Amino acid sequence: METAVYTLAERCQRLIAQRENGMLRPRICIALAGIPGAGKTTLAHKLADFMNGLEPDKGIRSHYKTVVVGMDGFHLYRSQLDGEGTRRRGATFTFDAAGVVELAEQLKVSTYRNLPDIKCPSFDHAVKDPVPDGIMIARHANIVILEGLYLLLKDEPWQRISTLMDETWLVQFDVDTARQRLASRHVEAGICSTLQEGLERADDNDIPNGMYLLENSVQPTVCIDAETWSVRAEDDETMSDV
């Protein structure tokens, strides 16, 4: 994963530099999507940690402030879901899609005009519900990574999100491997008592949700292979497989 982090960090630095040379405010907004279990959340936070920890004595700019906003904070509350919604939690209809779009619109405006700090919800896995205003996007943050399953969907209203981002990134991962990873995760989290139950849960919800993304997403700016951690971008030959 470190190889992808370094490559994506270089890309972020170039994007910031391009903005600083122009008239736009130097903030970039990226949508990062992938099927459940692909490693997108881990990648987003590793990239943010790397960017925030850059040292000037390494010859690299040190003023980067990167914030990760997970789409999990836009889950509907459990109290808002019926039986089907509870069973299928994680499907498109169990999210506040309008809320995600509204945040993307705020972020778009913030790339060319100074705005106050932006507050958005986080997710408490202990109580399994969102936490209002759990994440702060400070006005001086110049890289915002919006991370989640459905950010590249073509469906309304989700499709609006990709048009508002500076770039769209997709983490690609083998579905069968993701299935095994998800089953183990469900057991470790106490959601399922056996690996077989975890597999059934993945087959019933996680994998169909992931397949829906793959079959109904826009073409991303960047593709990241989560098995080799190679990075490909159609618009930049220097971003070919590393």
C-alpha atoms as a PDB file:
ATOM      1  CA  MET A   1       0.000   0.000   0.000  1.00  0.00           C
ATOM      2  CA  GLU A   2       2.927   2.342   0.674  1.00  0.00           C
ATOM      3  CA  THR A   3       3.761   2.447  -3.041  1.00  0.00           C
ATOM      4  CA  ALA A   4       0.278   3.702  -3.857  1.00  0.00           C
ATOM      5  CA  VAL A   5       0.416   6.213  -1.001  1.00  0.00           C
ATOM      6  CA  TYR A   6       3.654   7.737  -2.321  1.00  0.00           C
ATOM      7  CA  THR A   7       2.361   7.886  -5.885  1.00  0.00           C
ATOM      8  CA  LEU A   8      -0.952   9.454  -4.875  1.00  0.00           C
ATOM      9  CA  ALA A   9       0.841  11.910  -2.593  1.00  0.00           C
ATOM     10  CA  GLU A  10       2.927  13.116  -5.532  1.00  0.00           C
ATOM     11  CA  ARG A  11      -0.253  13.555  -7.543  1.00  0.00           C
ATOM     12  CA  CYS A  12      -1.862  15.602  -4.768  1.00  0.00           C
ATOM     13  CA  GLN A  13       1.196  17.839  -4.567  1.00  0.00           C
ATOM     14  CA  ARG A  14       1.077  18.502  -8.305  1.00  0.00           C
ATOM     15  CA  LEU A  15      -2.628  19.322  -8.167  1.00  0.00           C
ATOM     16  CA  ILE A  16      -2.065  21.778  -5.321  1.00  0.00           C
ATOM     17  CA  ALA A  17       0.838  23.387  -7.184  1.00  0.00           C
ATOM     18  CA  GLN A  18      -1.320  23.831 -10.284  1.00  0.00           C
ATOM     19  CA  ARG A  19      -3.945  25.641  -8.243  1.00  0.00           C
ATOM     20  CA  GLU A  20      -1.390  27.871  -6.556  1.00  0.00           C
ATOM     21  CA  ASN A  21      -0.120  28.938  -9.971  1.00  0.00           C
ATOM     22  CA  GLY A  22      -3.606  29.909 -11.059  1.00  0.00           C
ATOM     23  CA  MET A  23      -6.428  32.002  -9.664  1.00  0.00           C
ATOM     24  CA  LEU A  24      -8.199  29.270  -7.723  1.00  0.00           C
ATOM     25  CA  ARG A  25      -7.862  28.759  -4.008  1.00  0.00           C
ATOM     26  CA  PRO A  26      -5.359  25.947  -3.370  1.00  0.00           C
ATOM     27  CA  ARG A  27      -7.792  23.286  -2.136  1.00  0.00           C
ATOM     28  CA  ILE A  28      -8.417  20.019  -3.948  1.00  0.00           C
ATOM     29  CA  CYS A  29     -11.315  17.642  -3.325  1.00  0.00           C
ATOM     30  CA  ILE A  30     -11.105  13.954  -4.173  1.00  0.00           C
ATOM     31  CA  ALA A  31     -13.793  11.259  -4.150  1.00  0.00           C
ATOM     32  CA  LEU A  32     -12.375   7.817  -3.320  1.00  0.00           C
ATOM     33  CA  ALA A  33     -14.631   4.796  -3.879  1.00  0.00           C
ATOM     34  CA  GLY A  34     -14.350   1.020  -3.961  1.00  0.00           C
ATOM     35  CA  ILE A  35     -16.258  -2.126  -3.073  1.00  0.00           C
ATOM     36  CA  PRO A  36     -16.632  -3.105   0.605  1.00  0.00           C
ATOM     37  CA  GLY A  37     -13.417  -4.663   1.879  1.00  0.00           C
ATOM     38  CA  ALA A  38     -11.214  -3.129  -0.824  1.00  0.00           C
ATOM     39  CA  GLY A  39      -9.155  -1.096   1.644  1.00  0.00           C
ATOM     40  CA  LYS A  40     -10.312   2.371   0.591  1.00  0.00           C
ATOM     41  CA  THR A  41     -10.705   3.673   4.158  1.00  0.00           C
ATOM     42  CA  THR A  42      -7.245   2.471   5.157  1.00  0.00           C
ATOM     43  CA  LEU A  43      -5.719   3.949   2.001  1.00  0.00           C
ATOM     44  CA  ALA A  44      -7.419   7.307   2.552  1.00  0.00           C
ATOM     45  CA  HIS A  45      -6.147   7.613   6.114  1.00  0.00           C
ATOM     46  CA  LYS A  46      -2.628   6.424   5.266  1.00  0.00           C
ATOM     47  CA  LEU A  47      -2.445   9.024   2.510  1.00  0.00           C
ATOM     48  CA  ALA A  48      -3.722  11.731   4.852  1.00  0.00           C
ATOM     49  CA  ASP A  49      -1.207  10.761   7.542  1.00  0.00           C
ATOM     50  CA  PHE A  50       1.597  10.825   4.989  1.00  0.00           C
ATOM     51  CA  MET A  51       0.630  14.218   3.580  1.00  0.00           C
ATOM     52  CA  ASN A  52       0.180  15.738   7.019  1.00  0.00           C
ATOM     53  CA  GLY A  53       3.569  14.425   8.138  1.00  0.00           C
ATOM     54  CA  LEU A  54       5.725  15.700   5.270  1.00  0.00           C
ATOM     55  CA  GLU A  55       8.869  17.408   6.536  1.00  0.00           C
ATOM     56  CA  PRO A  56      10.482  20.460   4.894  1.00  0.00           C
ATOM     57  CA  ASP A  57      13.984  19.011   5.395  1.00  0.00           C
ATOM     58  CA  LYS A  58      13.086  16.300   2.894  1.00  0.00           C
ATOM     59  CA  GLY A  59      12.763  18.929   0.207  1.00  0.00           C
ATOM     60  CA  ILE A  60       8.983  18.621   0.145  1.00  0.00           C
ATOM     61  CA  ARG A  61       6.461  21.252   1.140  1.00  0.00           C
ATOM     62  CA  SER A  62       5.187  20.784   4.668  1.00  0.00           C
ATOM     63  CA  HIS A  63       2.073  22.944   4.677  1.00  0.00           C
ATOM     64  CA  TYR A  64      -0.352  20.248   3.533  1.00  0.00           C
ATOM     65  CA  LYS A  65      -3.429  19.743   5.670  1.00  0.00           C
ATOM     66  CA  THR A  66      -5.412  16.702   4.585  1.00  0.00           C
ATOM     67  CA  VAL A  67      -8.809  15.696   5.965  1.00  0.00           C
ATOM     68  CA  VAL A  68     -10.661  12.430   5.326  1.00  0.00           C
ATOM     69  CA  VAL A  69     -14.457  12.409   5.440  1.00  0.00           C
ATOM     70  CA  GLY A  70     -16.044   8.962   5.405  1.00  0.00           C
ATOM     71  CA  MET A  71     -19.438   8.440   3.812  1.00  0.00           C
ATOM     72  CA  ASP A  72     -20.362   6.287   6.825  1.00  0.00           C
ATOM     73  CA  GLY A  73     -21.385   9.455   8.657  1.00  0.00           C
ATOM     74  CA  PHE A  74     -24.262   9.781   6.207  1.00  0.00           C
ATOM     75  CA  HIS A  75     -25.868   6.466   7.140  1.00  0.00           C
ATOM     76  CA  LEU A  76     -29.512   6.912   8.073  1.00  0.00           C
ATOM     77  CA  TYR A  77     -30.045   6.411  11.804  1.00  0.00           C
ATOM     78  CA  ARG A  78     -31.209   2.968  12.817  1.00  0.00           C
ATOM     79  CA  SER A  79     -34.392   4.572  14.128  1.00  0.00           C
ATOM     80  CA  GLN A  80     -35.146   5.727  10.569  1.00  0.00           C
ATOM     81  CA  LEU A  81     -34.933   2.235   9.068  1.00  0.00           C
ATOM     82  CA  ASP A  82     -37.605  -0.418   8.754  1.00  0.00           C
ATOM     83  CA  GLY A  83     -36.894  -4.152   8.819  1.00  0.00           C
ATOM     84  CA  GLU A  84     -35.678  -4.269   5.226  1.00  0.00           C
ATOM     85  CA  GLY A  85     -33.571  -1.157   5.742  1.00  0.00           C
ATOM     86  CA  THR A  86     -31.956  -2.661   8.826  1.00  0.00           C
ATOM     87  CA  ARG A  87     -31.193  -5.915   7.021  1.00  0.00           C
ATOM     88  CA  ARG A  88     -29.842  -4.107   3.956  1.00  0.00           C
ATOM     89  CA  ARG A  89     -28.033  -1.339   5.819  1.00  0.00           C
ATOM     90  CA  GLY A  90     -25.257  -0.206   3.532  1.00  0.00           C
ATOM     91  CA  ALA A  91     -27.423  -0.259   0.393  1.00  0.00           C
ATOM     92  CA  THR A  92     -27.945   3.044  -1.416  1.00  0.00           C
ATOM     93  CA  PHE A  93     -31.382   3.669   0.095  1.00  0.00           C
ATOM     94  CA  THR A  94     -29.996   3.473   3.648  1.00  0.00           C
ATOM     95  CA  PHE A  95     -27.855   6.589   3.169  1.00  0.00           C
ATOM     96  CA  ASP A  96     -28.650  10.288   3.257  1.00  0.00           C
ATOM     97  CA  ALA A  97     -27.607  10.777  -0.358  1.00  0.00           C
ATOM     98  CA  ALA A  98     -28.831  14.379  -0.413  1.00  0.00           C
ATOM     99  CA  GLY A  99     -26.598  15.126   2.566  1.00  0.00           C
ATOM    100  CA  VAL A 100     -23.527  13.745   0.798  1.00  0.00           C
ATOM    101  CA  VAL A 101     -24.322  15.808  -2.294  1.00  0.00           C
ATOM    102  CA  GLU A 102     -24.775  18.926  -0.165  1.00  0.00           C
ATOM    103  CA  LEU A 103     -21.339  18.395   1.381  1.00  0.00           C
ATOM    104  CA  ALA A 104     -19.802  17.918  -2.079  1.00  0.00           C
ATOM    105  CA  GLU A 105     -21.392  21.208  -3.171  1.00  0.00           C
ATOM    106  CA  GLN A 106     -19.926  22.993  -0.145  1.00  0.00           C
ATOM    107  CA  LEU A 107     -16.521  21.538  -0.914  1.00  0.00           C
ATOM    108  CA  LYS A 108     -16.745  22.689  -4.527  1.00  0.00           C
ATOM    109  CA  VAL A 109     -17.463  26.252  -3.454  1.00  0.00           C
ATOM    110  CA  SER A 110     -14.594  26.080  -0.973  1.00  0.00           C
ATOM    111  CA  THR A 111     -12.095  25.480  -3.797  1.00  0.00           C
ATOM    112  CA  TYR A 112     -12.495  29.038  -5.067  1.00  0.00           C
ATOM    113  CA  ARG A 113     -13.882  31.023  -2.151  1.00  0.00           C
ATOM    114  CA  ASN A 114     -12.947  31.243   1.507  1.00  0.00           C
ATOM    115  CA  LEU A 115     -15.544  29.569   3.682  1.00  0.00           C
ATOM    116  CA  PRO A 116     -15.811  29.058   7.417  1.00  0.00           C
ATOM    117  CA  ASP A 117     -14.940  25.656   8.844  1.00  0.00           C
ATOM    118  CA  ILE A 118     -17.245  22.961   7.477  1.00  0.00           C
ATOM    119  CA  LYS A 119     -18.748  20.459   9.916  1.00  0.00           C
ATOM    120  CA  CYS A 120     -19.963  17.047   8.803  1.00  0.00           C
ATOM    121  CA  PRO A 121     -21.035  13.829  10.530  1.00  0.00           C
ATOM    122  CA  SER A 122     -18.800  10.949  11.544  1.00  0.00           C
ATOM    123  CA  PHE A 123     -19.880   7.414  12.442  1.00  0.00           C
ATOM    124  CA  ASP A 124     -19.706   5.724  15.846  1.00  0.00           C
ATOM    125  CA  HIS A 125     -19.240   2.006  15.264  1.00  0.00           C
ATOM    126  CA  ALA A 126     -19.931   1.268  18.925  1.00  0.00           C
ATOM    127  CA  VAL A 127     -23.486   2.634  18.732  1.00  0.00           C
ATOM    128  CA  LYS A 128     -23.779   1.976  14.968  1.00  0.00           C
ATOM    129  CA  ASP A 129     -25.098   5.451  14.212  1.00  0.00           C
ATOM    130  CA  PRO A 130     -23.799   8.779  12.859  1.00  0.00           C
ATOM    131  CA  VAL A 131     -22.416  11.493  15.124  1.00  0.00           C
ATOM    132  CA  PRO A 132     -23.519  14.996  14.043  1.00  0.00           C
ATOM    133  CA  ASP A 133     -20.635  17.433  13.459  1.00  0.00           C
ATOM    134  CA  GLY A 134     -18.132  14.692  14.279  1.00  0.00           C
ATOM    135  CA  ILE A 135     -15.639  15.868  11.637  1.00  0.00           C
ATOM    136  CA  MET A 136     -14.303  19.375  11.129  1.00  0.00           C
ATOM    137  CA  ILE A 137     -12.926  20.467   7.774  1.00  0.00           C
ATOM    138  CA  ALA A 138     -10.874  23.472   8.813  1.00  0.00           C
ATOM    139  CA  ARG A 139     -10.802  26.418   6.457  1.00  0.00           C
ATOM    140  CA  HIS A 140      -7.041  25.956   5.982  1.00  0.00           C
ATOM    141  CA  ALA A 141      -7.353  22.289   4.935  1.00  0.00           C
ATOM    142  CA  ASN A 142      -6.123  22.115   1.356  1.00  0.00           C
ATOM    143  CA  ILE A 143      -6.786  18.445   0.571  1.00  0.00           C
ATOM    144  CA  VAL A 144     -10.164  16.854   1.318  1.00  0.00           C
ATOM    145  CA  ILE A 145     -10.686  13.157   0.609  1.00  0.00           C
ATOM    146  CA  LEU A 146     -14.333  12.099   0.547  1.00  0.00           C
ATOM    147  CA  GLU A 147     -14.298   8.316   0.946  1.00  0.00           C
ATOM    148  CA  GLY A 148     -17.123   5.827   0.517  1.00  0.00           C
ATOM    149  CA  LEU A 149     -18.837   3.141  -1.490  1.00  0.00           C
ATOM    150  CA  TYR A 150     -21.239   5.092  -3.697  1.00  0.00           C
ATOM    151  CA  LEU A 151     -19.357   8.291  -4.502  1.00  0.00           C
ATOM    152  CA  LEU A 152     -18.869   7.399  -8.178  1.00  0.00           C
ATOM    153  CA  LEU A 153     -22.402   6.200  -8.922  1.00  0.00           C
ATOM    154  CA  LYS A 154     -24.173   7.357 -12.078  1.00  0.00           C
ATOM    155  CA  ASP A 155     -27.552   7.317 -10.293  1.00  0.00           C
ATOM    156  CA  GLU A 156     -29.332  10.440  -9.118  1.00  0.00           C
ATOM    157  CA  PRO A 157     -28.549  12.170  -6.884  1.00  0.00           C
ATOM    158  CA  TRP A 158     -25.172  10.454  -6.449  1.00  0.00           C
ATOM    159  CA  GLN A 159     -23.917  11.312  -9.936  1.00  0.00           C
ATOM    160  CA  ARG A 160     -23.713  14.971  -8.941  1.00  0.00           C
ATOM    161  CA  ILE A 161     -20.820  14.172  -6.580  1.00  0.00           C
ATOM    162  CA  SER A 162     -18.306  13.129  -9.237  1.00  0.00           C
ATOM    163  CA  THR A 163     -18.968  16.332 -11.196  1.00  0.00           C
ATOM    164  CA  LEU A 164     -18.078  18.432  -8.151  1.00  0.00           C
ATOM    165  CA  MET A 165     -14.763  16.765  -7.305  1.00  0.00           C
ATOM    166  CA  ASP A 166     -11.358  17.684  -8.687  1.00  0.00           C
ATOM    167  CA  GLU A 167     -10.617  13.992  -9.127  1.00  0.00           C
ATOM    168  CA  THR A 168     -12.353  10.647  -8.702  1.00  0.00           C
ATOM    169  CA  TRP A 169     -10.365   7.605  -7.557  1.00  0.00           C
ATOM    170  CA  LEU A 170     -11.465   3.971  -7.603  1.00  0.00           C
ATOM    171  CA  VAL A 171      -9.830   1.196  -5.563  1.00  0.00           C
ATOM    172  CA  GLN A 172     -10.105  -2.034  -7.559  1.00  0.00           C
ATOM    173  CA  PHE A 173     -10.066  -5.338  -5.691  1.00  0.00           C
ATOM    174  CA  ASP A 174     -10.908  -8.983  -6.325  1.00  0.00           C
ATOM    175  CA  VAL A 175     -14.495  -9.625  -5.216  1.00  0.00           C
ATOM    176  CA  ASP A 176     -13.826 -13.127  -3.853  1.00  0.00           C
ATOM    177  CA  THR A 177     -10.924 -11.890  -1.735  1.00  0.00           C
ATOM    178  CA  ALA A 178     -13.054  -9.013  -0.479  1.00  0.00           C
ATOM    179  CA  ARG A 179     -15.775 -11.508   0.459  1.00  0.00           C
ATOM    180  CA  GLN A 180     -13.379 -13.460   2.679  1.00  0.00           C
ATOM    181  CA  ARG A 181     -12.039 -10.271   4.228  1.00  0.00           C
ATOM    182  CA  LEU A 182     -15.548  -9.018   4.976  1.00  0.00           C
ATOM    183  CA  ALA A 183     -16.579 -12.310   6.578  1.00  0.00           C
ATOM    184  CA  SER A 184     -13.582 -12.187   8.909  1.00  0.00           C
ATOM    185  CA  ARG A 185     -14.324  -8.555   9.699  1.00  0.00           C
ATOM    186  CA  HIS A 186     -17.924  -9.378  10.642  1.00  0.00           C
ATOM    187  CA  VAL A 187     -16.715 -12.078  13.055  1.00  0.00           C
ATOM    188  CA  GLU A 188     -14.070  -9.816  14.605  1.00  0.00           C
ATOM    189  CA  ALA A 189     -16.656  -7.070  15.097  1.00  0.00           C
ATOM    190  CA  GLY A 190     -19.028  -9.465  16.851  1.00  0.00           C
ATOM    191  CA  ILE A 191     -21.671  -9.050  14.165  1.00  0.00           C
ATOM    192  CA  CYS A 192     -21.440 -12.754  13.276  1.00  0.00           C
ATOM    193  CA  SER A 193     -20.416 -15.672  15.457  1.00  0.00           C
ATOM    194  CA  THR A 194     -18.901 -17.882  12.751  1.00  0.00           C
ATOM    195  CA  LEU A 195     -17.043 -17.385   9.508  1.00  0.00           C
ATOM    196  CA  GLN A 196     -19.894 -19.062   7.629  1.00  0.00           C
ATOM    197  CA  GLU A 197     -22.359 -16.533   9.037  1.00  0.00           C
ATOM    198  CA  GLY A 198     -19.950 -13.800   7.996  1.00  0.00           C
ATOM    199  CA  LEU A 199     -19.827 -15.139   4.458  1.00  0.00           C
ATOM    200  CA  GLU A 200     -23.612 -15.291   4.292  1.00  0.00           C
ATOM    201  CA  ARG A 201     -23.862 -11.716   5.503  1.00  0.00           C
ATOM    202  CA  ALA A 202     -21.335 -10.596   2.891  1.00  0.00           C
ATOM    203  CA  ASP A 203     -23.223 -12.464   0.158  1.00  0.00           C
ATOM    204  CA  ASP A 204     -26.556 -11.032   1.272  1.00  0.00           C
ATOM    205  CA  ASN A 205     -25.549  -7.385   1.420  1.00  0.00           C
ATOM    206  CA  ASP A 206     -21.918  -6.291   1.064  1.00  0.00           C
ATOM    207  CA  ILE A 207     -21.096  -8.036  -2.202  1.00  0.00           C
ATOM    208  CA  PRO A 208     -24.344  -7.046  -3.999  1.00  0.00           C
ATOM    209  CA  ASN A 209     -23.715  -3.441  -2.937  1.00  0.00           C
ATOM    210  CA  GLY A 210     -20.185  -3.608  -4.284  1.00  0.00           C
ATOM    211  CA  MET A 211     -21.281  -5.154  -7.564  1.00  0.00           C
ATOM    212  CA  TYR A 212     -23.863  -2.415  -7.964  1.00  0.00           C
ATOM    213  CA  LEU A 213     -21.074   0.152  -7.686  1.00  0.00           C
ATOM    214  CA  LEU A 214     -18.911  -1.602 -10.267  1.00  0.00           C
ATOM    215  CA  GLU A 215     -21.796  -1.890 -12.720  1.00  0.00           C
ATOM    216  CA  ASN A 216     -23.070   1.673 -12.290  1.00  0.00           C
ATOM    217  CA  SER A 217     -20.087   3.953 -11.704  1.00  0.00           C
ATOM    218  CA  VAL A 218     -18.586   6.760 -13.761  1.00  0.00           C
ATOM    219  CA  GLN A 219     -15.131   6.427 -15.291  1.00  0.00           C
ATOM    220  CA  PRO A 220     -12.664   7.407 -12.531  1.00  0.00           C
ATOM    221  CA  THR A 221      -9.731   9.749 -12.960  1.00  0.00           C
ATOM    222  CA  VAL A 222      -7.429   7.293 -11.195  1.00  0.00           C
ATOM    223  CA  CYS A 223      -7.600   3.515 -10.689  1.00  0.00           C
ATOM    224  CA  ILE A 224      -5.737   1.869  -7.812  1.00  0.00           C
ATOM    225  CA  ASP A 225      -5.145  -1.884  -7.861  1.00  0.00           C
ATOM    226  CA  ALA A 226      -5.492  -3.058  -4.251  1.00  0.00           C
ATOM    227  CA  GLU A 227      -3.607  -6.293  -4.933  1.00  0.00           C
ATOM    228  CA  THR A 228      -0.460  -4.853  -6.528  1.00  0.00           C
ATOM    229  CA  TRP A 229      -1.030  -1.265  -5.324  1.00  0.00           C
ATOM    230  CA  SER A 230      -0.213   0.036  -8.775  1.00  0.00           C
ATOM    231  CA  VAL A 231      -1.792   3.343  -9.765  1.00  0.00           C
ATOM    232  CA  ARG A 232      -3.107   4.250 -13.211  1.00  0.00           C
ATOM    233  CA  ALA A 233      -4.371   7.587 -14.448  1.00  0.00           C
ATOM    234  CA  GLU A 234      -5.508   8.110 -18.024  1.00  0.00           C
ATOM    235  CA  ASP A 235      -4.531  11.776 -18.043  1.00  0.00           C
ATOM    236  CA  ASP A 236      -0.933  11.404 -16.867  1.00  0.00           C
ATOM    237  CA  GLU A 237       1.600   9.025 -18.359  1.00  0.00           C
ATOM    238  CA  THR A 238       3.828   9.385 -15.292  1.00  0.00           C
ATOM    239  CA  MET A 239       1.069   7.754 -13.253  1.00  0.00           C
ATOM    240  CA  SER A 240       1.179   4.444 -15.119  1.00  0.00           C
ATOM    241  CA  ASP A 241       1.802   1.218 -13.219  1.00  0.00           C
ATOM    242  CA  VAL A 242       4.563   1.617 -10.649  1.00  0.00           C
END
